[in-house]
């Protein structure tokens, strides 16, 4: 079973476990770079939880997820039909002011992440901002029926520095907000597309 199969199989459980989580301060950091009317891509929208907040804040949100089942649930929850596609296949040209990829790129193998980030950079307008998060650690492989690529801060910053067209704005650590997962940590990244 690959990660997409997992989310298709357990879509309802995943939806129930995540739809009420409050991304709070982390989402506000991202939204501080956006203004009403801006186009934002929710890359790996899952339940549509964060998309709904952004829509309510006046942003024009495009939802995207690789799981057909989660796309269906996000459509019901937000009233917006997500694009269903693999993150490694996105091909937009300077469409978005912001890209929010909360807990989605962690399923991309490390060797493939630079290409995905390059695609994200291409999809952003100049000075557009990308947020993404991955689990903290050094593990890469299958865990709990899904593929994960975990990163320590130094490795993640080095990887982001190597992606042409981006400036690293911030890299910070947070604890997991899910019940009984407080011992787990996340690495958070904010990147801004250069103007030239």
N, C-alpha and C. Protein backbone atom coordinates (compact mmCIF):
# COMPACT_ATOMS: atom_id res chain seq x y z
N UNK A 1 0.84 -1.19 0.00
CA UNK A 1 0.00 0.00 0.00
C UNK A 1 0.88 1.25 0.00
N UNK A 2 0.63 2.17 -0.95
CA UNK A 2 1.38 3.42 -0.91
C UNK A 2 0.59 4.45 -0.11
N UNK A 3 1.15 5.64 0.04
CA UNK A 3 0.53 6.64 0.89
C UNK A 3 -0.85 7.05 0.39
N UNK A 4 -1.02 7.16 -0.93
CA UNK A 4 -2.32 7.55 -1.48
C UNK A 4 -3.35 6.46 -1.20
N UNK A 5 -2.96 5.20 -1.36
CA UNK A 5 -3.87 4.10 -1.03
C UNK A 5 -4.30 4.16 0.43
N UNK A 6 -3.35 4.49 1.30
CA UNK A 6 -3.66 4.61 2.72
C UNK A 6 -4.75 5.66 2.96
N UNK A 7 -4.57 6.83 2.37
CA UNK A 7 -5.55 7.90 2.59
C UNK A 7 -6.89 7.60 1.94
N UNK A 8 -6.88 6.87 0.85
CA UNK A 8 -8.14 6.44 0.26
C UNK A 8 -8.85 5.44 1.18
N UNK A 9 -8.08 4.51 1.73
CA UNK A 9 -8.66 3.47 2.59
C UNK A 9 -9.19 4.04 3.91
N UNK A 10 -8.43 4.97 4.49
CA UNK A 10 -8.78 5.50 5.81
C UNK A 10 -9.26 6.95 5.77
N UNK A 11 -9.82 7.37 4.64
CA UNK A 11 -10.20 8.77 4.46
C UNK A 11 -11.14 9.28 5.54
N UNK A 12 -12.16 8.50 5.87
CA UNK A 12 -13.13 8.96 6.86
C UNK A 12 -12.51 9.11 8.25
N UNK A 13 -11.67 8.16 8.62
CA UNK A 13 -11.00 8.24 9.92
C UNK A 13 -10.05 9.43 9.95
N UNK A 14 -9.27 9.60 8.87
CA UNK A 14 -8.33 10.72 8.79
C UNK A 14 -9.09 12.05 8.86
N UNK A 15 -10.18 12.15 8.13
CA UNK A 15 -11.00 13.36 8.15
C UNK A 15 -11.44 13.67 9.58
N UNK A 16 -12.03 12.68 10.25
CA UNK A 16 -12.54 12.88 11.61
C UNK A 16 -11.43 13.28 12.58
N UNK A 17 -10.23 12.73 12.39
CA UNK A 17 -9.12 12.99 13.31
C UNK A 17 -8.43 14.33 13.08
N UNK A 18 -8.64 14.94 11.92
CA UNK A 18 -7.88 16.16 11.60
C UNK A 18 -8.72 17.40 11.33
N UNK A 19 -10.00 17.24 11.00
CA UNK A 19 -10.79 18.37 10.52
C UNK A 19 -10.96 19.46 11.58
N UNK A 20 -10.91 19.12 12.85
CA UNK A 20 -11.11 20.11 13.91
C UNK A 20 -9.80 20.64 14.51
N UNK A 21 -8.66 20.15 14.03
CA UNK A 21 -7.38 20.63 14.54
C UNK A 21 -7.18 22.10 14.16
N UNK A 22 -6.64 22.86 15.07
CA UNK A 22 -6.44 24.30 14.86
C UNK A 22 -4.96 24.57 14.59
N UNK A 23 -4.66 24.98 13.36
CA UNK A 23 -3.27 25.27 13.00
C UNK A 23 -2.81 26.64 13.49
N UNK A 24 -3.77 27.42 13.99
CA UNK A 24 -3.50 28.65 14.73
C UNK A 24 -2.33 29.50 14.29
N UNK A 25 -1.32 29.55 15.16
CA UNK A 25 -0.18 30.45 14.96
C UNK A 25 0.58 30.14 13.67
N UNK A 26 0.71 28.87 13.33
CA UNK A 26 1.43 28.50 12.11
C UNK A 26 0.72 29.01 10.87
N UNK A 27 -0.59 28.83 10.83
CA UNK A 27 -1.37 29.33 9.69
C UNK A 27 -1.32 30.86 9.65
N UNK A 28 -1.35 31.50 10.81
CA UNK A 28 -1.28 32.97 10.84
C UNK A 28 0.05 33.48 10.29
N UNK A 29 1.13 32.76 10.55
CA UNK A 29 2.43 33.17 9.98
C UNK A 29 2.36 33.20 8.46
N UNK A 30 1.78 32.15 7.91
CA UNK A 30 1.62 32.07 6.45
C UNK A 30 0.69 33.18 5.95
N UNK A 31 -0.44 33.35 6.61
CA UNK A 31 -1.45 34.32 6.16
C UNK A 31 -0.96 35.76 6.28
N UNK A 32 0.07 36.00 7.10
CA UNK A 32 0.60 37.36 7.22
C UNK A 32 1.23 37.83 5.91
N UNK A 33 1.52 36.89 5.01
CA UNK A 33 2.08 37.22 3.69
C UNK A 33 1.00 37.31 2.62
N UNK A 34 -0.25 37.09 2.99
CA UNK A 34 -1.35 37.08 2.03
C UNK A 34 -2.35 38.18 2.36
N UNK A 35 -3.11 38.59 1.35
CA UNK A 35 -4.17 39.57 1.57
C UNK A 35 -5.44 39.07 0.87
N UNK A 36 -6.60 39.57 1.29
CA UNK A 36 -7.86 39.12 0.66
C UNK A 36 -7.78 39.25 -0.86
N UNK A 37 -8.27 38.23 -1.53
CA UNK A 37 -8.24 38.20 -3.00
C UNK A 37 -7.06 37.48 -3.58
N UNK A 38 -6.03 37.24 -2.76
CA UNK A 38 -4.85 36.50 -3.25
C UNK A 38 -5.22 35.06 -3.58
N UNK A 39 -4.55 34.51 -4.58
CA UNK A 39 -4.73 33.11 -4.96
C UNK A 39 -3.77 32.24 -4.16
N UNK A 40 -4.33 31.23 -3.49
CA UNK A 40 -3.53 30.33 -2.66
C UNK A 40 -3.84 28.89 -3.06
N UNK A 41 -2.80 28.07 -3.12
CA UNK A 41 -2.94 26.65 -3.36
C UNK A 41 -2.78 25.90 -2.05
N UNK A 42 -3.79 25.12 -1.67
CA UNK A 42 -3.68 24.23 -0.52
C UNK A 42 -3.24 22.87 -1.05
N UNK A 43 -1.93 22.65 -1.01
CA UNK A 43 -1.30 21.47 -1.61
C UNK A 43 -1.31 20.32 -0.61
N UNK A 44 -2.20 19.36 -0.84
CA UNK A 44 -2.42 18.30 0.14
C UNK A 44 -3.48 18.76 1.13
N UNK A 45 -4.63 19.14 0.59
CA UNK A 45 -5.66 19.81 1.39
C UNK A 45 -6.30 18.89 2.42
N UNK A 46 -6.18 17.56 2.24
CA UNK A 46 -6.78 16.65 3.21
C UNK A 46 -8.26 16.90 3.38
N UNK A 47 -8.68 17.16 4.60
CA UNK A 47 -10.10 17.39 4.91
C UNK A 47 -10.64 18.69 4.35
N UNK A 48 -9.73 19.60 4.00
CA UNK A 48 -10.15 20.94 3.59
C UNK A 48 -10.20 21.92 4.74
N UNK A 49 -9.74 21.48 5.90
CA UNK A 49 -9.76 22.28 7.14
C UNK A 49 -9.12 23.66 6.96
N UNK A 50 -7.88 23.68 6.49
CA UNK A 50 -7.18 24.96 6.37
C UNK A 50 -7.71 25.78 5.19
N UNK A 51 -8.14 25.10 4.14
CA UNK A 51 -8.75 25.80 3.00
C UNK A 51 -9.96 26.59 3.46
N UNK A 52 -10.77 25.97 4.30
CA UNK A 52 -12.00 26.62 4.77
C UNK A 52 -11.67 27.91 5.53
N UNK A 53 -10.66 27.85 6.38
CA UNK A 53 -10.22 29.05 7.11
C UNK A 53 -9.77 30.13 6.14
N UNK A 54 -8.99 29.74 5.15
CA UNK A 54 -8.46 30.72 4.19
C UNK A 54 -9.57 31.31 3.32
N UNK A 55 -10.54 30.48 2.93
CA UNK A 55 -11.68 30.98 2.16
C UNK A 55 -12.45 32.00 2.98
N UNK A 56 -12.66 31.69 4.26
CA UNK A 56 -13.37 32.61 5.16
C UNK A 56 -12.61 33.91 5.36
N UNK A 57 -11.29 33.88 5.15
CA UNK A 57 -10.47 35.09 5.28
C UNK A 57 -10.39 35.88 3.97
N UNK A 58 -11.12 35.42 2.95
CA UNK A 58 -11.21 36.18 1.71
C UNK A 58 -10.19 35.82 0.65
N UNK A 59 -9.50 34.69 0.83
CA UNK A 59 -8.53 34.25 -0.17
C UNK A 59 -9.22 33.41 -1.23
N UNK A 60 -8.68 33.42 -2.45
CA UNK A 60 -9.15 32.56 -3.53
C UNK A 60 -8.33 31.28 -3.45
N UNK A 61 -8.94 30.21 -2.98
CA UNK A 61 -8.20 28.98 -2.66
C UNK A 61 -8.45 27.89 -3.69
N UNK A 62 -7.37 27.30 -4.17
CA UNK A 62 -7.42 26.10 -4.99
C UNK A 62 -7.02 24.93 -4.11
N UNK A 63 -7.89 23.94 -3.97
CA UNK A 63 -7.60 22.76 -3.17
C UNK A 63 -7.02 21.68 -4.08
N UNK A 64 -6.05 20.94 -3.56
CA UNK A 64 -5.44 19.86 -4.32
C UNK A 64 -5.03 18.75 -3.37
N UNK A 65 -5.35 17.51 -3.73
CA UNK A 65 -4.91 16.37 -2.94
C UNK A 65 -4.75 15.17 -3.88
N UNK A 66 -3.90 14.23 -3.48
CA UNK A 66 -3.66 13.05 -4.32
C UNK A 66 -4.67 11.94 -4.05
N UNK A 67 -5.43 12.05 -2.96
CA UNK A 67 -6.40 11.02 -2.59
C UNK A 67 -7.79 11.37 -3.11
N UNK A 68 -8.34 10.50 -3.94
CA UNK A 68 -9.71 10.69 -4.45
C UNK A 68 -10.72 10.81 -3.32
N UNK A 69 -10.58 9.93 -2.32
CA UNK A 69 -11.55 9.91 -1.22
C UNK A 69 -11.48 11.18 -0.39
N UNK A 70 -10.27 11.67 -0.12
CA UNK A 70 -10.16 12.92 0.64
C UNK A 70 -10.65 14.10 -0.18
N UNK A 71 -10.44 14.07 -1.49
CA UNK A 71 -10.97 15.14 -2.35
C UNK A 71 -12.50 15.20 -2.25
N UNK A 72 -13.13 14.04 -2.21
CA UNK A 72 -14.59 13.99 -2.08
C UNK A 72 -15.04 14.59 -0.75
N UNK A 73 -14.36 14.22 0.33
CA UNK A 73 -14.72 14.74 1.66
C UNK A 73 -14.44 16.23 1.77
N UNK A 74 -13.32 16.69 1.19
CA UNK A 74 -12.99 18.11 1.23
C UNK A 74 -14.00 18.93 0.43
N UNK A 75 -14.47 18.37 -0.67
CA UNK A 75 -15.50 19.02 -1.49
C UNK A 75 -16.77 19.23 -0.67
N UNK A 76 -17.20 18.18 0.04
CA UNK A 76 -18.39 18.26 0.88
C UNK A 76 -18.20 19.30 1.99
N UNK A 77 -17.02 19.29 2.61
CA UNK A 77 -16.75 20.16 3.76
C UNK A 77 -16.63 21.63 3.38
N UNK A 78 -15.99 21.89 2.23
CA UNK A 78 -15.72 23.29 1.85
C UNK A 78 -16.64 23.83 0.78
N UNK A 79 -17.27 22.94 0.03
CA UNK A 79 -18.06 23.38 -1.11
C UNK A 79 -17.21 23.73 -2.31
N UNK A 80 -15.94 23.36 -2.26
CA UNK A 80 -15.00 23.61 -3.35
C UNK A 80 -14.45 22.27 -3.84
N UNK A 81 -14.50 22.04 -5.14
CA UNK A 81 -14.01 20.78 -5.68
C UNK A 81 -12.49 20.81 -5.83
N UNK A 82 -11.79 19.93 -5.11
CA UNK A 82 -10.32 19.91 -5.22
C UNK A 82 -9.85 19.30 -6.54
N UNK A 83 -8.66 19.69 -6.95
CA UNK A 83 -7.95 18.99 -8.02
C UNK A 83 -7.38 17.72 -7.41
N UNK A 84 -7.52 16.60 -8.10
CA UNK A 84 -6.98 15.34 -7.60
C UNK A 84 -5.76 14.97 -8.45
N UNK A 85 -4.57 15.14 -7.86
CA UNK A 85 -3.35 14.83 -8.59
C UNK A 85 -2.18 14.65 -7.64
N UNK A 86 -1.16 13.97 -8.12
CA UNK A 86 0.08 13.76 -7.39
C UNK A 86 0.83 15.09 -7.30
N UNK A 87 1.39 15.38 -6.13
CA UNK A 87 2.13 16.64 -5.94
C UNK A 87 3.32 16.75 -6.89
N UNK A 88 3.84 15.60 -7.31
CA UNK A 88 5.01 15.59 -8.19
C UNK A 88 4.65 15.93 -9.63
N UNK A 89 3.35 16.10 -9.89
CA UNK A 89 2.89 16.39 -11.25
C UNK A 89 2.33 17.80 -11.42
N UNK A 90 2.38 18.61 -10.37
CA UNK A 90 1.82 19.96 -10.51
C UNK A 90 2.63 20.74 -11.54
N UNK A 91 1.92 21.53 -12.33
CA UNK A 91 2.58 22.27 -13.41
C UNK A 91 1.83 23.58 -13.65
N UNK A 92 2.01 24.52 -12.74
CA UNK A 92 1.41 25.84 -12.85
C UNK A 92 2.51 26.86 -13.14
N UNK A 93 2.16 27.95 -13.77
CA UNK A 93 3.14 28.97 -14.12
C UNK A 93 2.74 30.32 -13.52
N UNK A 94 3.37 30.65 -12.37
CA UNK A 94 3.16 31.93 -11.68
C UNK A 94 1.68 32.26 -11.48
N UNK A 95 0.97 31.31 -10.86
CA UNK A 95 -0.47 31.44 -10.63
C UNK A 95 -0.79 31.91 -9.21
N UNK A 96 0.00 31.48 -8.22
CA UNK A 96 -0.39 31.63 -6.82
C UNK A 96 0.47 32.65 -6.06
N UNK A 97 -0.21 33.37 -5.16
CA UNK A 97 0.50 34.26 -4.24
C UNK A 97 1.08 33.47 -3.06
N UNK A 98 0.45 32.34 -2.76
CA UNK A 98 0.91 31.52 -1.66
C UNK A 98 0.59 30.05 -1.89
N UNK A 99 1.44 29.17 -1.36
CA UNK A 99 1.18 27.73 -1.41
C UNK A 99 1.36 27.19 0.00
N UNK A 100 0.31 26.55 0.49
CA UNK A 100 0.26 25.98 1.84
C UNK A 100 0.32 24.47 1.70
N UNK A 101 1.37 23.86 2.21
CA UNK A 101 1.57 22.40 2.09
C UNK A 101 1.80 21.83 3.48
N UNK A 102 0.73 21.80 4.26
CA UNK A 102 0.81 21.36 5.66
C UNK A 102 0.77 19.84 5.73
N UNK A 103 1.85 19.25 6.22
CA UNK A 103 1.92 17.81 6.45
C UNK A 103 1.60 17.00 5.19
N UNK A 104 2.07 17.48 4.04
CA UNK A 104 1.82 16.74 2.79
C UNK A 104 3.11 16.33 2.09
N UNK A 105 4.11 17.19 2.07
CA UNK A 105 5.36 16.86 1.37
C UNK A 105 6.19 15.84 2.14
N UNK A 106 5.78 15.51 3.35
CA UNK A 106 6.50 14.50 4.14
C UNK A 106 6.39 13.11 3.54
N UNK A 107 5.51 12.93 2.56
CA UNK A 107 5.38 11.63 1.89
C UNK A 107 6.18 11.55 0.60
N UNK A 108 6.94 12.60 0.28
CA UNK A 108 7.78 12.63 -0.92
C UNK A 108 9.18 12.14 -0.57
N UNK A 109 9.72 11.16 -1.31
CA UNK A 109 11.10 10.72 -1.04
C UNK A 109 12.08 11.90 -1.10
N UNK A 110 13.09 11.86 -0.26
CA UNK A 110 14.03 12.97 -0.16
C UNK A 110 14.66 13.33 -1.50
N UNK A 111 14.97 12.32 -2.31
CA UNK A 111 15.62 12.60 -3.59
C UNK A 111 14.68 13.31 -4.57
N UNK A 112 13.37 13.23 -4.33
CA UNK A 112 12.40 13.86 -5.23
C UNK A 112 11.92 15.22 -4.73
N UNK A 113 12.17 15.53 -3.47
CA UNK A 113 11.64 16.79 -2.92
C UNK A 113 12.19 18.04 -3.62
N UNK A 114 13.48 18.10 -3.99
CA UNK A 114 13.94 19.32 -4.69
C UNK A 114 13.16 19.60 -5.97
N UNK A 115 12.81 18.56 -6.73
CA UNK A 115 12.03 18.76 -7.95
C UNK A 115 10.63 19.29 -7.62
N UNK A 116 10.01 18.74 -6.57
CA UNK A 116 8.68 19.22 -6.17
C UNK A 116 8.75 20.68 -5.74
N UNK A 117 9.79 21.03 -4.99
CA UNK A 117 9.94 22.43 -4.56
C UNK A 117 10.19 23.34 -5.76
N UNK A 118 10.88 22.84 -6.77
CA UNK A 118 11.08 23.63 -7.99
C UNK A 118 9.75 23.86 -8.70
N UNK A 119 8.89 22.84 -8.71
CA UNK A 119 7.56 22.98 -9.31
C UNK A 119 6.72 23.99 -8.51
N UNK A 120 6.86 23.96 -7.19
CA UNK A 120 6.17 24.92 -6.33
C UNK A 120 6.65 26.33 -6.62
N UNK A 121 7.96 26.48 -6.76
CA UNK A 121 8.53 27.79 -7.07
C UNK A 121 7.98 28.32 -8.40
N UNK A 122 7.91 27.46 -9.40
CA UNK A 122 7.37 27.84 -10.71
C UNK A 122 5.91 28.27 -10.60
N UNK A 123 5.16 27.62 -9.71
CA UNK A 123 3.74 27.91 -9.56
C UNK A 123 3.47 29.23 -8.84
N UNK A 124 4.47 29.73 -8.12
CA UNK A 124 4.29 30.97 -7.36
C UNK A 124 4.58 32.20 -8.20
N UNK A 125 3.85 33.26 -7.91
CA UNK A 125 4.16 34.56 -8.46
C UNK A 125 5.43 35.07 -7.78
N UNK A 126 6.17 36.01 -8.41
CA UNK A 126 7.34 36.58 -7.73
C UNK A 126 6.95 37.13 -6.36
N UNK A 127 7.76 36.85 -5.36
CA UNK A 127 7.56 37.21 -3.95
C UNK A 127 6.46 36.37 -3.29
N UNK A 128 5.93 35.38 -4.01
CA UNK A 128 4.97 34.46 -3.41
C UNK A 128 5.64 33.61 -2.34
N UNK A 129 4.85 33.14 -1.40
CA UNK A 129 5.38 32.41 -0.24
C UNK A 129 4.85 30.99 -0.21
N UNK A 130 5.74 30.07 0.15
CA UNK A 130 5.37 28.66 0.34
C UNK A 130 5.64 28.27 1.78
N UNK A 131 4.65 27.62 2.39
CA UNK A 131 4.83 26.99 3.70
C UNK A 131 4.72 25.48 3.52
N UNK A 132 5.64 24.73 4.16
CA UNK A 132 5.44 23.29 4.24
C UNK A 132 6.01 22.76 5.55
N UNK A 133 5.51 21.59 5.94
CA UNK A 133 5.95 20.98 7.19
C UNK A 133 6.23 19.50 6.99
N UNK A 134 7.22 19.03 7.72
CA UNK A 134 7.60 17.61 7.72
C UNK A 134 7.87 17.20 9.16
N UNK A 135 7.87 15.91 9.41
CA UNK A 135 8.18 15.44 10.76
C UNK A 135 9.67 15.55 11.03
N UNK A 136 10.01 15.87 12.28
CA UNK A 136 11.41 15.97 12.67
C UNK A 136 11.99 14.58 12.92
N UNK A 137 13.19 14.36 12.38
CA UNK A 137 13.87 13.08 12.59
C UNK A 137 14.77 12.77 11.41
N UNK A 138 15.25 11.55 11.36
CA UNK A 138 16.15 11.15 10.28
C UNK A 138 15.62 9.95 9.50
N UNK A 139 14.42 9.49 9.85
CA UNK A 139 13.85 8.30 9.22
C UNK A 139 13.39 8.57 7.79
N UNK A 140 13.59 7.58 6.91
CA UNK A 140 12.99 7.60 5.58
C UNK A 140 12.59 6.18 5.23
N UNK A 141 11.30 6.01 4.94
CA UNK A 141 10.80 4.68 4.61
C UNK A 141 9.34 4.54 5.02
N UNK A 142 8.85 3.29 5.08
CA UNK A 142 7.45 3.06 5.41
C UNK A 142 7.25 2.90 6.91
N UNK A 143 6.21 3.60 7.38
CA UNK A 143 5.86 3.59 8.79
C UNK A 143 4.34 3.72 8.87
N UNK A 144 3.69 2.81 9.57
CA UNK A 144 2.22 2.85 9.69
C UNK A 144 1.54 2.89 8.32
N UNK A 145 2.01 2.05 7.40
CA UNK A 145 1.42 1.86 6.07
C UNK A 145 1.62 3.04 5.12
N UNK A 146 2.44 4.00 5.48
CA UNK A 146 2.71 5.14 4.61
C UNK A 146 4.21 5.38 4.51
N UNK A 147 4.62 6.05 3.42
CA UNK A 147 6.02 6.44 3.26
C UNK A 147 6.22 7.79 3.94
N UNK A 148 7.30 7.91 4.71
CA UNK A 148 7.64 9.17 5.37
C UNK A 148 9.10 9.51 5.12
N UNK A 149 9.36 10.80 4.94
CA UNK A 149 10.73 11.32 4.92
C UNK A 149 10.82 12.39 6.00
N UNK A 150 11.52 12.07 7.08
CA UNK A 150 11.68 12.99 8.21
C UNK A 150 12.99 13.77 8.03
N UNK A 151 13.04 14.95 8.62
CA UNK A 151 14.21 15.82 8.47
C UNK A 151 14.61 16.46 9.79
N UNK A 152 15.91 16.53 10.00
CA UNK A 152 16.45 17.39 11.04
C UNK A 152 16.59 18.80 10.45
N UNK A 153 16.66 19.80 11.31
CA UNK A 153 16.64 21.20 10.86
C UNK A 153 17.76 21.50 9.87
N UNK A 154 18.97 21.05 10.18
CA UNK A 154 20.12 21.38 9.33
C UNK A 154 19.95 20.79 7.93
N UNK A 155 19.51 19.56 7.86
CA UNK A 155 19.32 18.90 6.57
C UNK A 155 18.24 19.62 5.76
N UNK A 156 17.18 20.01 6.42
CA UNK A 156 16.07 20.67 5.74
C UNK A 156 16.48 22.04 5.22
N UNK A 157 17.19 22.79 6.03
CA UNK A 157 17.64 24.12 5.60
C UNK A 157 18.62 24.02 4.43
N UNK A 158 19.50 23.03 4.49
CA UNK A 158 20.46 22.82 3.40
C UNK A 158 19.74 22.46 2.10
N UNK A 159 18.72 21.61 2.21
CA UNK A 159 17.94 21.22 1.04
C UNK A 159 17.26 22.45 0.43
N UNK A 160 16.64 23.27 1.26
CA UNK A 160 15.93 24.45 0.77
C UNK A 160 16.88 25.47 0.17
N UNK A 161 18.07 25.59 0.75
CA UNK A 161 19.08 26.51 0.20
C UNK A 161 19.50 26.10 -1.20
N UNK A 162 19.37 24.81 -1.50
CA UNK A 162 19.79 24.31 -2.80
C UNK A 162 18.75 24.44 -3.89
N UNK A 163 17.55 24.94 -3.55
CA UNK A 163 16.49 25.09 -4.55
C UNK A 163 16.56 26.49 -5.15
N UNK A 164 16.87 26.56 -6.42
CA UNK A 164 17.02 27.86 -7.10
C UNK A 164 15.69 28.61 -7.11
N UNK A 165 15.78 29.91 -6.92
CA UNK A 165 14.60 30.76 -7.02
C UNK A 165 13.92 31.07 -5.71
N UNK A 166 14.37 30.44 -4.63
CA UNK A 166 13.75 30.64 -3.32
C UNK A 166 14.71 31.29 -2.33
N UNK A 167 14.16 32.08 -1.42
CA UNK A 167 14.87 32.56 -0.24
C UNK A 167 14.21 31.94 0.98
N UNK A 168 15.00 31.38 1.87
CA UNK A 168 14.47 30.80 3.10
C UNK A 168 14.14 31.92 4.08
N UNK A 169 12.85 32.04 4.42
CA UNK A 169 12.42 33.08 5.37
C UNK A 169 12.52 32.61 6.80
N UNK A 170 12.17 31.36 7.05
CA UNK A 170 12.15 30.88 8.43
C UNK A 170 12.11 29.36 8.46
N UNK A 171 12.66 28.79 9.52
CA UNK A 171 12.60 27.35 9.76
C UNK A 171 12.46 27.19 11.27
N UNK A 172 11.35 26.57 11.71
CA UNK A 172 11.12 26.46 13.15
C UNK A 172 10.47 25.13 13.49
N UNK A 173 10.60 24.78 14.77
CA UNK A 173 10.09 23.50 15.26
C UNK A 173 8.83 23.71 16.08
N UNK A 174 7.86 22.81 15.92
CA UNK A 174 6.65 22.83 16.73
C UNK A 174 6.35 21.43 17.21
N UNK A 175 5.55 21.33 18.29
CA UNK A 175 5.12 20.03 18.76
C UNK A 175 3.80 19.67 18.09
N UNK A 176 3.52 18.39 18.01
CA UNK A 176 2.30 17.89 17.39
C UNK A 176 1.09 18.35 18.21
N UNK A 177 0.04 18.84 17.53
CA UNK A 177 -1.14 19.35 18.24
C UNK A 177 -2.20 18.27 18.45
N UNK A 178 -1.95 17.07 17.93
CA UNK A 178 -2.93 16.00 18.10
C UNK A 178 -2.83 15.38 19.50
N UNK A 179 -3.97 14.92 20.01
CA UNK A 179 -4.02 14.31 21.33
C UNK A 179 -3.14 13.07 21.36
N UNK A 180 -2.35 12.96 22.42
CA UNK A 180 -1.44 11.83 22.64
C UNK A 180 -0.30 11.76 21.63
N UNK A 181 -0.04 12.88 20.94
CA UNK A 181 1.09 12.91 19.99
C UNK A 181 2.06 14.03 20.35
N UNK A 182 1.97 14.54 21.58
CA UNK A 182 2.75 15.70 21.99
C UNK A 182 4.25 15.46 21.98
N UNK A 183 4.66 14.18 22.00
CA UNK A 183 6.10 13.87 22.00
C UNK A 183 6.69 13.97 20.60
N UNK A 184 5.83 14.10 19.58
CA UNK A 184 6.32 14.21 18.20
C UNK A 184 6.54 15.68 17.83
N UNK A 185 7.55 15.92 17.03
CA UNK A 185 7.88 17.29 16.62
C UNK A 185 7.82 17.43 15.10
N UNK A 186 7.55 18.65 14.68
CA UNK A 186 7.46 18.98 13.26
C UNK A 186 8.46 20.08 12.93
N UNK A 187 9.00 20.02 11.71
CA UNK A 187 9.82 21.10 11.19
C UNK A 187 8.96 21.89 10.20
N UNK A 188 8.98 23.21 10.35
CA UNK A 188 8.17 24.10 9.53
C UNK A 188 9.07 25.02 8.73
N UNK A 189 8.71 25.23 7.48
CA UNK A 189 9.54 26.04 6.57
C UNK A 189 8.69 27.10 5.88
N UNK A 190 9.21 28.31 5.80
CA UNK A 190 8.63 29.36 4.98
C UNK A 190 9.65 29.78 3.95
N UNK A 191 9.29 29.69 2.67
CA UNK A 191 10.14 30.09 1.55
C UNK A 191 9.46 31.20 0.76
N UNK A 192 10.25 32.10 0.23
CA UNK A 192 9.71 33.16 -0.61
C UNK A 192 10.38 33.13 -1.98
N UNK A 193 9.55 33.21 -3.02
CA UNK A 193 10.10 33.22 -4.38
C UNK A 193 10.79 34.55 -4.65
N UNK A 194 11.97 34.47 -5.24
CA UNK A 194 12.72 35.68 -5.58
C UNK A 194 12.05 36.42 -6.72
N UNK A 195 12.36 37.71 -6.83
CA UNK A 195 11.73 38.54 -7.87
C UNK A 195 12.44 38.42 -9.20
N UNK A 196 13.71 38.00 -9.21
CA UNK A 196 14.44 37.93 -10.49
C UNK A 196 14.65 36.50 -10.93
